[in-house]
Amino acid sequence: MDWPTSIGGENLLYGLLILIGAALALALLLLGWVLWRVRRIDLPQDADFMTTLRMTPLTVVILLDLLDFSLDFLSAPIGWALLSYLGLKPLRGVTAVEGLIPGTQMLPTMTLAWIIARFTKPN
């Protein structure tokens, strides 16, 4: 039995696959850039999530969101390893949980959190 397909449904699927592929390609380029240009970030010993976000370059959070969008739940271990390498350990748990929650891939949550951290005053 053949499944009924509509032209609109196929176009939507192809468009989504192209978007995911483009996000993955951009994430790989950005990963190379981050590994080449961003060095280990020295955080205070008692740095919390918001303090760490304030000290994190925007390219790192955009990379995390692109990985989450293109790789879905597979982005969690990659993000964990990247954040460990960069010395951003307070972000690892949030990134891993966000990567494993279904339906959050379309939202740039880390980028939005970075913007909020930049516009709020530290305590």
Protein backbone atom coordinates (compact mmCIF):
# COMPACT_ATOMS: atom_id res chain seq x y z
CA MET A 1 0.00 0.00 0.00
CA ASP A 2 1.43 3.35 -1.01
CA TRP A 3 1.27 6.21 1.42
CA PRO A 4 -0.49 9.22 -0.01
CA THR A 5 1.93 12.06 -0.44
CA SER A 6 1.18 15.62 -1.15
CA ILE A 7 3.46 17.95 -3.02
CA GLY A 8 3.35 20.41 -0.14
CA GLY A 9 4.41 17.73 2.35
CA GLU A 10 7.35 16.62 0.22
CA ASN A 11 8.47 20.20 -0.32
CA LEU A 12 8.27 20.86 3.40
CA LEU A 13 10.35 17.76 4.15
CA TYR A 14 12.98 18.65 1.54
CA GLY A 15 13.11 22.22 2.80
CA LEU A 16 13.60 21.03 6.36
CA LEU A 17 16.36 18.62 5.30
CA ILE A 18 18.13 21.39 3.39
CA LEU A 19 17.84 23.70 6.40
CA ILE A 20 19.23 21.04 8.75
CA GLY A 21 22.08 20.28 6.33
CA ALA A 22 22.95 23.95 6.02
CA ALA A 23 22.88 24.34 9.81
CA LEU A 24 25.20 21.34 10.18
CA ALA A 25 27.63 22.72 7.58
CA LEU A 26 27.62 26.11 9.28
CA ALA A 27 28.07 24.45 12.69
CA LEU A 28 31.11 22.53 11.44
CA LEU A 29 32.67 25.72 10.05
CA LEU A 30 31.92 27.55 13.27
CA LEU A 31 33.33 24.65 15.29
CA GLY A 32 36.60 24.98 13.39
CA TRP A 33 36.59 28.73 14.02
CA VAL A 34 35.87 28.33 17.74
CA LEU A 35 38.56 25.68 18.21
CA TRP A 36 41.06 27.82 16.28
CA ARG A 37 40.29 31.26 17.75
CA VAL A 38 38.70 30.81 21.17
CA ARG A 39 41.12 29.69 23.82
CA ARG A 40 40.39 28.22 27.20
CA ILE A 41 38.38 30.75 29.19
CA ASP A 42 39.53 31.41 32.75
CA LEU A 43 36.47 31.55 34.95
CA PRO A 44 36.35 32.46 38.61
CA GLN A 45 36.29 29.39 40.82
CA ASP A 46 32.71 30.05 41.96
CA ALA A 47 31.30 31.04 38.55
CA ASP A 48 27.63 30.24 38.11
CA PHE A 49 25.64 29.80 34.89
CA MET A 50 24.96 33.51 34.29
CA THR A 51 28.54 34.59 35.07
CA THR A 52 29.83 31.96 32.68
CA LEU A 53 27.44 33.10 29.95
CA ARG A 54 28.62 36.69 30.35
CA MET A 55 32.22 35.56 29.78
CA THR A 56 31.36 33.27 26.85
CA PRO A 57 31.83 34.56 23.28
CA LEU A 58 28.66 34.76 21.18
CA THR A 59 30.14 32.38 18.60
CA VAL A 60 30.22 29.57 21.16
CA VAL A 61 26.52 29.85 22.06
CA ILE A 62 25.51 30.15 18.40
CA LEU A 63 27.56 27.02 17.70
CA LEU A 64 25.77 25.16 20.50
CA ASP A 65 22.37 26.16 19.10
CA LEU A 66 23.34 25.16 15.54
CA LEU A 67 24.57 21.79 16.76
CA ASP A 68 21.34 21.30 18.71
CA PHE A 69 19.24 22.16 15.67
CA SER A 70 21.14 20.01 13.20
CA LEU A 71 22.04 16.99 15.34
CA ASP A 72 19.13 16.93 17.80
CA PHE A 73 19.97 14.76 20.82
CA LEU A 74 23.38 13.84 19.39
CA SER A 75 24.55 17.38 20.08
CA ALA A 76 24.61 16.77 23.86
CA PRO A 77 27.92 14.83 23.98
CA ILE A 78 29.55 17.13 21.43
CA GLY A 79 28.50 20.21 23.37
CA TRP A 80 29.66 18.61 26.64
CA ALA A 81 33.12 17.89 25.19
CA LEU A 82 33.41 21.34 23.60
CA LEU A 83 32.45 23.16 26.79
CA SER A 84 34.90 21.04 28.79
CA TYR A 85 37.67 21.89 26.32
CA LEU A 86 36.90 25.62 26.54
CA GLY A 87 36.72 25.58 30.35
CA LEU A 88 33.01 26.45 30.43
CA LYS A 89 31.94 23.66 32.75
CA PRO A 90 28.99 25.53 34.35
CA LEU A 91 27.25 25.50 30.95
CA ARG A 92 27.59 21.75 30.36
CA GLY A 93 24.59 20.55 32.35
CA VAL A 94 22.17 23.09 30.90
CA THR A 95 23.40 22.42 27.37
CA ALA A 96 23.08 18.66 27.78
CA VAL A 97 19.57 18.86 29.24
CA GLU A 98 18.46 21.33 26.56
CA GLY A 99 19.88 19.06 23.86
CA LEU A 100 17.95 16.07 25.18
CA ILE A 101 14.55 17.77 25.57
CA PRO A 102 12.45 17.14 22.45
CA GLY A 103 11.03 20.14 20.67
CA THR A 104 13.60 22.69 21.82
CA GLN A 105 15.77 22.32 18.73
CA MET A 106 13.94 25.06 16.84
CA LEU A 107 14.55 27.58 19.62
CA PRO A 108 18.00 29.17 19.99
CA THR A 109 17.83 28.80 23.76
CA MET A 110 21.53 29.27 24.51
CA THR A 111 21.68 32.39 22.34
CA LEU A 112 18.60 33.81 24.07
CA ALA A 113 20.12 32.99 27.47
CA TRP A 114 23.35 34.72 26.40
CA ILE A 115 21.41 37.85 25.41
CA ILE A 116 19.51 37.82 28.72
CA ALA A 117 22.78 37.38 30.63
CA ARG A 118 24.29 40.35 28.81
CA PHE A 119 21.36 42.66 29.53
CA THR A 120 20.83 41.75 33.17
CA LYS A 121 23.05 43.18 35.85
CA PRO A 122 25.13 40.83 37.99
CA ASN A 123 24.15 40.63 41.65
